[in-house]
Amino acid sequence: MSIDLCISTYSLLKWRQQNGKSVAQTVDQITKMGVTQIEFSGISDKAIHNGKKQATLLQKLCDKRQLSIASYCTAAELLLSPAKQKQAIQAVKDQVDIAAALGAPSMRHDVTRGFEAGYSRFKGPRTFAQALKIVVPAIREIADYAQTLGVKTSLENHGFFMQHPDRVCKLIQAVDHPNFGLTLDMGNFLCVGADPVAAVKQCLPYAQMVHVKDFHRKPKKLAPPNGWFMTPGKDALRGAIVGHGIIDIPAQLKLLKQAKYAGALSLEFEGMEEPTFAVQTGLDYLRQELGKLKMI
């Protein structure tokens, strides 16, 4: 079996910001790095008037560069009052249209960051079970719509509220829709104190897209003031070059092989190092480890 390596445009966000580059120029940069697939995290860093037109232009550019578009990622908040949720559902459907214009077979949309971030005026019990009752019908409606356009939808295990493997699995099981699954980020589980290898094993049956990411970790009291973020637990984390952090990526890759995962493996980098160097270094590491497992 072989896995197709992919780079998320999110990995080069800082490179774009620091050098005045566009998403289209990011496509060219990713082409130079020798992968066969690209994942779009948004289609522009600036406000645009015609998203579908921009998506079509990017699709044509990727086709010219012989890059397959693995997935499209967009933000969302669905834990809302009925009126606001209706608007949010339509906004996500509009993003599905963009994914379809890109020719992306998969789209990750956020679900919620929790009651305080979304439904802050909710009067009932603010439990995870109650949150599911509110968001599950919305997710199904979006999945139904996306299915008509040939786009599979998913959540990603990120944003502390919807990040723990138990919660991720419970949500997907509650939605119970053939067109909805998981964009499995193999690093993010660390943000809620879960074992990244055990969590990948638990959630892998639902994965339709996989992100590989790495982190450095320190106790909060020892964390420097810059570059680190605090988790809900005792740890502070900093994004690392893939292979340079604490996550047992070889063990995670073995799980992908055992599960016969045949999708894309998208590298995400969000550390302090220069992004093009960091991404290329991470790719070199992944090629080494995938080669050992005869997965590339």
C-alpha atoms as a PDB file:
ATOM      1  CA  MET A   1       0.000   0.000   0.000  1.00  0.00           C
ATOM      2  CA  SER A   2       1.094   3.577  -0.491  1.00  0.00           C
ATOM      3  CA  ILE A   3       0.032   6.888   1.003  1.00  0.00           C
ATOM      4  CA  ASP A   4      -0.048  10.161  -0.904  1.00  0.00           C
ATOM      5  CA  LEU A   5       1.785  12.971   0.868  1.00  0.00           C
ATOM      6  CA  CYS A   6      -0.036  16.268   1.028  1.00  0.00           C
ATOM      7  CA  ILE A   7       0.668  19.756   2.372  1.00  0.00           C
ATOM      8  CA  SER A   8      -1.945  22.004   3.928  1.00  0.00           C
ATOM      9  CA  THR A   9      -1.833  25.629   2.815  1.00  0.00           C
ATOM     10  CA  TYR A  10      -2.241  26.413   6.530  1.00  0.00           C
ATOM     11  CA  SER A  11       1.356  25.252   7.027  1.00  0.00           C
ATOM     12  CA  LEU A  12       2.589  28.189   4.952  1.00  0.00           C
ATOM     13  CA  LEU A  13       0.291  30.858   6.393  1.00  0.00           C
ATOM     14  CA  LYS A  14       3.132  32.627   8.216  1.00  0.00           C
ATOM     15  CA  TRP A  15       5.260  32.461   5.054  1.00  0.00           C
ATOM     16  CA  ARG A  16       2.483  34.202   3.127  1.00  0.00           C
ATOM     17  CA  GLN A  17       2.003  36.837   5.812  1.00  0.00           C
ATOM     18  CA  GLN A  18       5.706  37.612   6.180  1.00  0.00           C
ATOM     19  CA  ASN A  19       6.463  37.684   2.462  1.00  0.00           C
ATOM     20  CA  GLY A  20       3.275  39.130   0.996  1.00  0.00           C
ATOM     21  CA  LYS A  21       2.451  35.912  -0.832  1.00  0.00           C
ATOM     22  CA  SER A  22      -0.951  34.764  -2.071  1.00  0.00           C
ATOM     23  CA  VAL A  23      -2.670  31.398  -1.822  1.00  0.00           C
ATOM     24  CA  ALA A  24      -1.957  30.900  -5.542  1.00  0.00           C
ATOM     25  CA  GLN A  25       1.755  31.445  -4.865  1.00  0.00           C
ATOM     26  CA  THR A  26       1.444  28.910  -2.061  1.00  0.00           C
ATOM     27  CA  VAL A  27       0.289  26.373  -4.650  1.00  0.00           C
ATOM     28  CA  ASP A  28       3.495  26.998  -6.601  1.00  0.00           C
ATOM     29  CA  GLN A  29       5.606  26.655  -3.453  1.00  0.00           C
ATOM     30  CA  ILE A  30       3.937  23.366  -2.514  1.00  0.00           C
ATOM     31  CA  THR A  31       4.510  22.081  -6.049  1.00  0.00           C
ATOM     32  CA  LYS A  32       8.254  22.673  -5.597  1.00  0.00           C
ATOM     33  CA  MET A  33       8.221  20.505  -2.468  1.00  0.00           C
ATOM     34  CA  GLY A  34       7.458  17.412  -4.495  1.00  0.00           C
ATOM     35  CA  VAL A  35       4.130  16.228  -3.107  1.00  0.00           C
ATOM     36  CA  THR A  36       1.193  15.083  -5.203  1.00  0.00           C
ATOM     37  CA  GLN A  37      -1.663  16.523  -3.143  1.00  0.00           C
ATOM     38  CA  ILE A  38      -2.660  19.819  -1.561  1.00  0.00           C
ATOM     39  CA  GLU A  39      -5.181  20.700   1.123  1.00  0.00           C
ATOM     40  CA  PHE A  40      -6.735  24.152   1.148  1.00  0.00           C
ATOM     41  CA  SER A  41      -7.369  25.875   4.454  1.00  0.00           C
ATOM     42  CA  GLY A  42      -9.434  28.682   2.989  1.00  0.00           C
ATOM     43  CA  ILE A  43      -8.924  29.954  -0.555  1.00  0.00           C
ATOM     44  CA  SER A  44      -7.769  33.501   0.227  1.00  0.00           C
ATOM     45  CA  ASP A  45      -6.239  35.370   3.157  1.00  0.00           C
ATOM     46  CA  LYS A  46      -8.251  38.441   2.148  1.00  0.00           C
ATOM     47  CA  ALA A  47     -11.976  39.042   1.736  1.00  0.00           C
ATOM     48  CA  ILE A  48     -13.180  38.028  -1.718  1.00  0.00           C
ATOM     49  CA  HIS A  49     -16.460  38.717  -3.506  1.00  0.00           C
ATOM     50  CA  ASN A  50     -16.773  35.544  -5.569  1.00  0.00           C
ATOM     51  CA  GLY A  51     -15.548  32.483  -3.711  1.00  0.00           C
ATOM     52  CA  LYS A  52     -16.597  29.974  -6.343  1.00  0.00           C
ATOM     53  CA  LYS A  53     -14.750  31.904  -9.062  1.00  0.00           C
ATOM     54  CA  GLN A  54     -11.592  31.972  -6.928  1.00  0.00           C
ATOM     55  CA  ALA A  55     -11.980  28.256  -6.213  1.00  0.00           C
ATOM     56  CA  THR A  56     -12.276  27.497  -9.916  1.00  0.00           C
ATOM     57  CA  LEU A  57      -9.104  29.480 -10.643  1.00  0.00           C
ATOM     58  CA  LEU A  58      -7.226  27.564  -7.935  1.00  0.00           C
ATOM     59  CA  GLN A  59      -8.552  24.260  -9.248  1.00  0.00           C
ATOM     60  CA  LYS A  60      -7.234  25.071 -12.713  1.00  0.00           C
ATOM     61  CA  LEU A  61      -3.867  26.101 -11.265  1.00  0.00           C
ATOM     62  CA  CYS A  62      -3.588  22.863  -9.299  1.00  0.00           C
ATOM     63  CA  ASP A  63      -4.492  20.875 -12.387  1.00  0.00           C
ATOM     64  CA  LYS A  64      -1.763  22.699 -14.312  1.00  0.00           C
ATOM     65  CA  ARG A  65       0.724  21.919 -11.526  1.00  0.00           C
ATOM     66  CA  GLN A  66      -0.450  18.285 -11.392  1.00  0.00           C
ATOM     67  CA  LEU A  67      -1.558  18.625  -7.776  1.00  0.00           C
ATOM     68  CA  SER A  68      -4.636  16.741  -6.639  1.00  0.00           C
ATOM     69  CA  ILE A  69      -6.830  18.620  -4.165  1.00  0.00           C
ATOM     70  CA  ALA A  70      -7.324  16.313  -1.197  1.00  0.00           C
ATOM     71  CA  SER A  71      -9.582  18.429   0.981  1.00  0.00           C
ATOM     72  CA  TYR A  72     -10.885  21.868   1.878  1.00  0.00           C
ATOM     73  CA  CYS A  73     -11.069  23.211   5.437  1.00  0.00           C
ATOM     74  CA  THR A  74     -13.360  25.944   6.711  1.00  0.00           C
ATOM     75  CA  ALA A  75     -14.347  27.453  10.037  1.00  0.00           C
ATOM     76  CA  ALA A  76     -17.838  27.134  11.513  1.00  0.00           C
ATOM     77  CA  GLU A  77     -19.801  27.413  14.760  1.00  0.00           C
ATOM     78  CA  LEU A  78     -23.017  25.382  14.990  1.00  0.00           C
ATOM     79  CA  LEU A  79     -23.794  25.485  18.718  1.00  0.00           C
ATOM     80  CA  LEU A  80     -26.151  28.435  18.346  1.00  0.00           C
ATOM     81  CA  SER A  81     -29.702  29.609  18.878  1.00  0.00           C
ATOM     82  CA  PRO A  82     -32.143  28.325  16.217  1.00  0.00           C
ATOM     83  CA  ALA A  83     -32.157  31.568  14.224  1.00  0.00           C
ATOM     84  CA  LYS A  84     -28.381  31.983  14.276  1.00  0.00           C
ATOM     85  CA  GLN A  85     -27.831  28.303  13.559  1.00  0.00           C
ATOM     86  CA  LYS A  86     -29.958  28.527  10.420  1.00  0.00           C
ATOM     87  CA  GLN A  87     -27.668  31.281   9.133  1.00  0.00           C
ATOM     88  CA  ALA A  88     -24.576  29.280  10.110  1.00  0.00           C
ATOM     89  CA  ILE A  89     -25.826  26.192   8.273  1.00  0.00           C
ATOM     90  CA  GLN A  90     -26.301  28.229   5.106  1.00  0.00           C
ATOM     91  CA  ALA A  91     -22.821  29.705   5.491  1.00  0.00           C
ATOM     92  CA  VAL A  92     -21.323  26.209   5.688  1.00  0.00           C
ATOM     93  CA  LYS A  93     -23.369  25.115   2.665  1.00  0.00           C
ATOM     94  CA  ASP A  94     -21.865  28.058   0.796  1.00  0.00           C
ATOM     95  CA  GLN A  95     -18.446  26.672   1.731  1.00  0.00           C
ATOM     96  CA  VAL A  96     -19.503  23.270   0.405  1.00  0.00           C
ATOM     97  CA  ASP A  97     -20.129  25.023  -2.916  1.00  0.00           C
ATOM     98  CA  ILE A  98     -16.540  26.267  -2.804  1.00  0.00           C
ATOM     99  CA  ALA A  99     -15.239  22.773  -2.029  1.00  0.00           C
ATOM    100  CA  ALA A 100     -17.190  21.459  -5.006  1.00  0.00           C
ATOM    101  CA  ALA A 101     -15.802  24.207  -7.251  1.00  0.00           C
ATOM    102  CA  LEU A 102     -12.307  23.229  -6.132  1.00  0.00           C
ATOM    103  CA  GLY A 103     -13.056  19.621  -6.974  1.00  0.00           C
ATOM    104  CA  ALA A 104     -12.226  18.633  -3.400  1.00  0.00           C
ATOM    105  CA  PRO A 105     -13.717  15.255  -2.447  1.00  0.00           C
ATOM    106  CA  SER A 106     -13.639  16.122   1.253  1.00  0.00           C
ATOM    107  CA  MET A 107     -14.438  19.180   3.369  1.00  0.00           C
ATOM    108  CA  ARG A 108     -13.712  19.703   7.038  1.00  0.00           C
ATOM    109  CA  HIS A 109     -15.965  22.126   8.851  1.00  0.00           C
ATOM    110  CA  ASP A 110     -15.714  23.055  12.509  1.00  0.00           C
ATOM    111  CA  VAL A 111     -18.587  22.072  14.781  1.00  0.00           C
ATOM    112  CA  THR A 112     -18.272  24.172  17.925  1.00  0.00           C
ATOM    113  CA  ARG A 113     -15.893  25.679  20.445  1.00  0.00           C
ATOM    114  CA  GLY A 114     -18.445  25.265  23.224  1.00  0.00           C
ATOM    115  CA  PHE A 115     -21.395  27.103  24.720  1.00  0.00           C
ATOM    116  CA  GLU A 116     -19.452  30.227  25.691  1.00  0.00           C
ATOM    117  CA  ALA A 117     -18.137  30.648  22.161  1.00  0.00           C
ATOM    118  CA  GLY A 118     -21.488  30.001  20.503  1.00  0.00           C
ATOM    119  CA  TYR A 119     -24.723  29.700  22.456  1.00  0.00           C
ATOM    120  CA  SER A 120     -23.699  31.846  25.440  1.00  0.00           C
ATOM    121  CA  ARG A 121     -27.319  32.653  26.346  1.00  0.00           C
ATOM    122  CA  PHE A 122     -28.436  29.027  26.477  1.00  0.00           C
ATOM    123  CA  LYS A 123     -30.501  28.506  29.642  1.00  0.00           C
ATOM    124  CA  GLY A 124     -30.426  24.707  29.963  1.00  0.00           C
ATOM    125  CA  PRO A 125     -27.687  22.343  31.167  1.00  0.00           C
ATOM    126  CA  ARG A 126     -24.453  23.103  29.333  1.00  0.00           C
ATOM    127  CA  THR A 127     -23.395  19.498  28.965  1.00  0.00           C
ATOM    128  CA  PHE A 128     -21.763  17.718  26.063  1.00  0.00           C
ATOM    129  CA  ALA A 129     -24.919  15.638  25.627  1.00  0.00           C
ATOM    130  CA  GLN A 130     -26.985  18.809  25.314  1.00  0.00           C
ATOM    131  CA  ALA A 131     -24.520  20.232  22.809  1.00  0.00           C
ATOM    132  CA  LEU A 132     -24.942  17.107  20.680  1.00  0.00           C
ATOM    133  CA  LYS A 133     -28.714  17.560  20.611  1.00  0.00           C
ATOM    134  CA  ILE A 134     -28.216  21.039  19.178  1.00  0.00           C
ATOM    135  CA  VAL A 135     -25.435  20.439  16.639  1.00  0.00           C
ATOM    136  CA  VAL A 136     -26.212  16.952  15.298  1.00  0.00           C
ATOM    137  CA  PRO A 137     -29.250  17.948  13.167  1.00  0.00           C
ATOM    138  CA  ALA A 138     -27.245  20.817  11.669  1.00  0.00           C
ATOM    139  CA  ILE A 139     -24.355  18.516  10.787  1.00  0.00           C
ATOM    140  CA  ARG A 140     -26.751  16.085   9.115  1.00  0.00           C
ATOM    141  CA  GLU A 141     -28.336  18.838   7.044  1.00  0.00           C
ATOM    142  CA  ILE A 142     -24.916  19.969   5.831  1.00  0.00           C
ATOM    143  CA  ALA A 143     -23.862  16.378   5.095  1.00  0.00           C
ATOM    144  CA  ASP A 144     -27.063  15.818   3.103  1.00  0.00           C
ATOM    145  CA  TYR A 145     -26.406  18.907   1.001  1.00  0.00           C
ATOM    146  CA  ALA A 146     -22.735  18.081   0.448  1.00  0.00           C
ATOM    147  CA  GLN A 147     -23.630  14.566  -0.655  1.00  0.00           C
ATOM    148  CA  THR A 148     -25.587  15.986  -3.596  1.00  0.00           C
ATOM    149  CA  LEU A 149     -22.367  17.685  -4.760  1.00  0.00           C
ATOM    150  CA  GLY A 150     -20.070  14.704  -4.218  1.00  0.00           C
ATOM    151  CA  VAL A 151     -18.291  16.221  -1.212  1.00  0.00           C
ATOM    152  CA  LYS A 152     -17.815  14.267   2.025  1.00  0.00           C
ATOM    153  CA  THR A 153     -17.961  16.368   5.182  1.00  0.00           C
ATOM    154  CA  SER A 154     -16.062  15.887   8.411  1.00  0.00           C
ATOM    155  CA  LEU A 155     -15.115  17.415  11.700  1.00  0.00           C
ATOM    156  CA  GLU A 156     -11.549  17.695  12.943  1.00  0.00           C
ATOM    157  CA  ASN A 157     -10.401  16.975  16.466  1.00  0.00           C
ATOM    158  CA  HIS A 158      -9.378  20.517  17.335  1.00  0.00           C
ATOM    159  CA  GLY A 159     -10.653  23.353  19.486  1.00  0.00           C
ATOM    160  CA  PHE A 160     -10.619  22.041  23.055  1.00  0.00           C
ATOM    161  CA  PHE A 161     -14.386  21.400  23.342  1.00  0.00           C
ATOM    162  CA  MET A 162     -14.513  18.901  20.457  1.00  0.00           C
ATOM    163  CA  GLN A 163     -11.026  17.445  20.653  1.00  0.00           C
ATOM    164  CA  HIS A 164     -10.988  14.479  23.031  1.00  0.00           C
ATOM    165  CA  PRO A 165     -11.215  11.120  21.210  1.00  0.00           C
ATOM    166  CA  ASP A 166     -14.234  10.037  23.265  1.00  0.00           C
ATOM    167  CA  ARG A 167     -16.144  13.160  22.255  1.00  0.00           C
ATOM    168  CA  VAL A 168     -15.108  12.879  18.625  1.00  0.00           C
ATOM    169  CA  CYS A 169     -16.387   9.303  18.423  1.00  0.00           C
ATOM    170  CA  LYS A 170     -19.620  10.108  20.260  1.00  0.00           C
ATOM    171  CA  LEU A 171     -20.365  12.957  17.868  1.00  0.00           C
ATOM    172  CA  ILE A 172     -19.766  10.895  14.732  1.00  0.00           C
ATOM    173  CA  GLN A 173     -21.846   8.029  16.119  1.00  0.00           C
ATOM    174  CA  ALA A 174     -24.659  10.451  16.984  1.00  0.00           C
ATOM    175  CA  VAL A 175     -24.636  12.008  13.510  1.00  0.00           C
ATOM    176  CA  ASP A 176     -24.631   8.524  11.962  1.00  0.00           C
ATOM    177  CA  HIS A 177     -24.476   9.782   8.389  1.00  0.00           C
ATOM    178  CA  PRO A 178     -22.667   7.996   5.537  1.00  0.00           C
ATOM    179  CA  ASN A 179     -21.372  11.328   4.228  1.00  0.00           C
ATOM    180  CA  PHE A 180     -19.867  12.525   7.519  1.00  0.00           C
ATOM    181  CA  GLY A 181     -16.626  11.379   9.083  1.00  0.00           C
ATOM    182  CA  LEU A 182     -13.399  12.603  10.622  1.00  0.00           C
ATOM    183  CA  THR A 183     -10.427  14.646   9.559  1.00  0.00           C
ATOM    184  CA  LEU A 184      -8.074  12.923  11.972  1.00  0.00           C
ATOM    185  CA  ASP A 185      -5.327  15.200  13.291  1.00  0.00           C
ATOM    186  CA  MET A 186      -2.776  12.855  14.839  1.00  0.00           C
ATOM    187  CA  GLY A 187      -1.173  15.617  16.905  1.00  0.00           C
ATOM    188  CA  ASN A 188      -4.101  17.581  18.277  1.00  0.00           C
ATOM    189  CA  PHE A 189      -5.150  14.958  20.817  1.00  0.00           C
ATOM    190  CA  LEU A 190      -2.194  16.098  22.903  1.00  0.00           C
ATOM    191  CA  CYS A 191      -3.990  19.414  23.446  1.00  0.00           C
ATOM    192  CA  VAL A 192      -6.508  17.721  25.741  1.00  0.00           C
ATOM    193  CA  GLY A 193      -4.044  15.397  27.440  1.00  0.00           C
ATOM    194  CA  ALA A 194      -5.006  12.286  25.462  1.00  0.00           C
ATOM    195  CA  ASP A 195      -2.383   9.773  24.359  1.00  0.00           C
ATOM    196  CA  PRO A 196      -1.893  10.554  20.643  1.00  0.00           C
ATOM    197  CA  VAL A 197      -1.207   6.943  19.641  1.00  0.00           C
ATOM    198  CA  ALA A 198      -4.120   5.425  21.570  1.00  0.00           C
ATOM    199  CA  ALA A 199      -6.414   8.201  20.323  1.00  0.00           C
ATOM    200  CA  VAL A 200      -5.488   7.569  16.693  1.00  0.00           C
ATOM    201  CA  LYS A 201      -6.253   3.880  17.149  1.00  0.00           C
ATOM    202  CA  GLN A 202      -9.639   4.745  18.682  1.00  0.00           C
ATOM    203  CA  CYS A 203     -10.685   7.249  16.014  1.00  0.00           C
ATOM    204  CA  LEU A 204      -9.090   5.781  12.888  1.00  0.00           C
ATOM    205  CA  PRO A 205     -12.204   3.818  11.806  1.00  0.00           C
ATOM    206  CA  TYR A 206     -13.933   7.152  11.136  1.00  0.00           C
ATOM    207  CA  ALA A 207     -11.044   8.859   9.302  1.00  0.00           C
ATOM    208  CA  GLN A 208     -11.507  10.090   5.752  1.00  0.00           C
ATOM    209  CA  MET A 209      -8.527  12.480   5.900  1.00  0.00           C
ATOM    210  CA  VAL A 210      -5.443  12.456   8.137  1.00  0.00           C
ATOM    211  CA  HIS A 211      -3.262  15.329   9.342  1.00  0.00           C
ATOM    212  CA  VAL A 212       0.215  14.735  10.722  1.00  0.00           C
ATOM    213  CA  LYS A 213       1.413  17.297  13.258  1.00  0.00           C
ATOM    214  CA  ASP A 214       3.969  17.458  16.053  1.00  0.00           C
ATOM    215  CA  PHE A 215       4.410  19.416  19.275  1.00  0.00           C
ATOM    216  CA  HIS A 216       6.957  20.349  21.888  1.00  0.00           C
ATOM    217  CA  ARG A 217       5.652  20.115  25.461  1.00  0.00           C
ATOM    218  CA  LYS A 218       6.547  21.714  28.803  1.00  0.00           C
ATOM    219  CA  PRO A 219       4.804  22.115  32.150  1.00  0.00           C
ATOM    220  CA  LYS A 220       2.900  25.398  32.095  1.00  0.00           C
ATOM    221  CA  LYS A 221       5.107  26.897  34.804  1.00  0.00           C
ATOM    222  CA  LEU A 222       8.201  26.375  32.629  1.00  0.00           C
ATOM    223  CA  ALA A 223       6.767  27.691  29.359  1.00  0.00           C
ATOM    224  CA  PRO A 224       8.445  30.743  27.781  1.00  0.00           C
ATOM    225  CA  PRO A 225       6.190  33.742  27.089  1.00  0.00           C
ATOM    226  CA  ASN A 226       6.298  33.489  23.286  1.00  0.00           C
ATOM    227  CA  GLY A 227       5.305  30.701  20.922  1.00  0.00           C
ATOM    228  CA  TRP A 228       3.566  28.473  23.451  1.00  0.00           C
ATOM    229  CA  PHE A 229      -0.128  27.971  24.208  1.00  0.00           C
ATOM    230  CA  MET A 230      -1.732  26.646  27.359  1.00  0.00           C
ATOM    231  CA  THR A 231      -3.863  23.508  27.311  1.00  0.00           C
ATOM    232  CA  PRO A 232      -6.771  22.939  29.716  1.00  0.00           C
ATOM    233  CA  GLY A 233      -4.523  20.553  31.639  1.00  0.00           C
ATOM    234  CA  LYS A 234      -1.030  20.997  33.065  1.00  0.00           C
ATOM    235  CA  ASP A 235       0.853  21.356  29.804  1.00  0.00           C
ATOM    236  CA  ALA A 236       1.983  24.104  27.487  1.00  0.00           C
ATOM    237  CA  LEU A 237       2.554  23.193  23.837  1.00  0.00           C
ATOM    238  CA  ARG A 238       4.426  24.661  20.901  1.00  0.00           C
ATOM    239  CA  GLY A 239       4.077  23.536  17.314  1.00  0.00           C
ATOM    240  CA  ALA A 240       7.074  21.509  16.151  1.00  0.00           C
ATOM    241  CA  ILE A 241       8.603  20.442  12.862  1.00  0.00           C
ATOM    242  CA  VAL A 242       7.100  17.026  12.138  1.00  0.00           C
ATOM    243  CA  GLY A 243       9.444  14.447  13.641  1.00  0.00           C
ATOM    244  CA  HIS A 244      11.135  16.916  15.995  1.00  0.00           C
ATOM    245  CA  GLY A 245       8.517  16.921  18.753  1.00  0.00           C
ATOM    246  CA  ILE A 246       7.364  14.407  21.326  1.00  0.00           C
ATOM    247  CA  ILE A 247       4.669  12.544  19.384  1.00  0.00           C
ATOM    248  CA  ASP A 248       5.408   8.945  18.403  1.00  0.00           C
ATOM    249  CA  ILE A 249       4.678   9.436  14.724  1.00  0.00           C
ATOM    250  CA  PRO A 250       6.166   6.073  13.621  1.00  0.00           C
ATOM    251  CA  ALA A 251       3.694   4.270  15.896  1.00  0.00           C
ATOM    252  CA  GLN A 252       0.840   6.307  14.427  1.00  0.00           C
ATOM    253  CA  LEU A 253       1.953   5.516  10.881  1.00  0.00           C
ATOM    254  CA  LYS A 254       2.003   1.808  11.740  1.00  0.00           C
ATOM    255  CA  LEU A 255      -1.630   2.115  12.813  1.00  0.00           C
ATOM    256  CA  LEU A 256      -2.486   3.695   9.454  1.00  0.00           C
ATOM    257  CA  LYS A 257      -0.808   0.783   7.698  1.00  0.00           C
ATOM    258  CA  GLN A 258      -2.605  -1.805   9.822  1.00  0.00           C
ATOM    259  CA  ALA A 259      -5.929  -0.116   9.056  1.00  0.00           C
ATOM    260  CA  LYS A 260      -5.076  -0.045   5.324  1.00  0.00           C
ATOM    261  CA  TYR A 261      -5.700   3.702   5.258  1.00  0.00           C
ATOM    262  CA  ALA A 262      -5.456   4.770   1.625  1.00  0.00           C
ATOM    263  CA  GLY A 263      -6.211   8.491   1.811  1.00  0.00           C
ATOM    264  CA  ALA A 264      -3.931  11.504   1.860  1.00  0.00           C
ATOM    265  CA  LEU A 265      -1.520  12.291   4.696  1.00  0.00           C
ATOM    266  CA  SER A 266      -1.495  16.068   5.041  1.00  0.00           C
ATOM    267  CA  LEU A 267       1.383  17.785   6.819  1.00  0.00           C
ATOM    268  CA  GLU A 268       0.409  20.645   9.118  1.00  0.00           C
ATOM    269  CA  PHE A 269       3.034  22.914  10.646  1.00  0.00           C
ATOM    270  CA  GLU A 270       2.273  25.701  13.114  1.00  0.00           C
ATOM    271  CA  GLY A 271       5.607  26.263  14.839  1.00  0.00           C
ATOM    272  CA  MET A 272       8.067  29.154  15.164  1.00  0.00           C
ATOM    273  CA  GLU A 273      10.587  28.021  12.552  1.00  0.00           C
ATOM    274  CA  GLU A 274      10.693  29.420   9.010  1.00  0.00           C
ATOM    275  CA  PRO A 275       7.765  27.611   7.365  1.00  0.00           C
ATOM    276  CA  THR A 276       9.270  26.482   4.046  1.00  0.00           C
ATOM    277  CA  PHE A 277      12.285  25.002   5.860  1.00  0.00           C
ATOM    278  CA  ALA A 278      10.049  23.435   8.516  1.00  0.00           C
ATOM    279  CA  VAL A 279       7.650  21.877   6.024  1.00  0.00           C
ATOM    280  CA  GLN A 280      10.428  20.490   3.817  1.00  0.00           C
ATOM    281  CA  THR A 281      12.236  19.076   6.855  1.00  0.00           C
ATOM    282  CA  GLY A 282       9.025  17.458   8.058  1.00  0.00           C
ATOM    283  CA  LEU A 283       8.401  15.966   4.622  1.00  0.00           C
ATOM    284  CA  ASP A 284      11.898  14.482   4.541  1.00  0.00           C
ATOM    285  CA  TYR A 285      11.210  12.845   7.899  1.00  0.00           C
ATOM    286  CA  LEU A 286       7.845  11.475   6.763  1.00  0.00           C
ATOM    287  CA  ARG A 287       9.348  10.034   3.595  1.00  0.00           C
ATOM    288  CA  GLN A 288      12.001   8.322   5.711  1.00  0.00           C
ATOM    289  CA  GLU A 289       9.480   6.775   8.111  1.00  0.00           C
ATOM    290  CA  LEU A 290       6.957   5.835   5.424  1.00  0.00           C
ATOM    291  CA  GLY A 291       9.777   4.229   3.464  1.00  0.00           C
ATOM    292  CA  LYS A 292      10.682   2.051   6.446  1.00  0.00           C
ATOM    293  CA  LEU A 293       7.087   0.830   6.521  1.00  0.00           C
ATOM    294  CA  LYS A 294       6.908   0.408   2.726  1.00  0.00           C
ATOM    295  CA  MET A 295       4.038   2.887   2.618  1.00  0.00           C
ATOM    296  CA  ILE A 296       5.469   5.145  -0.064  1.00  0.00           C
END
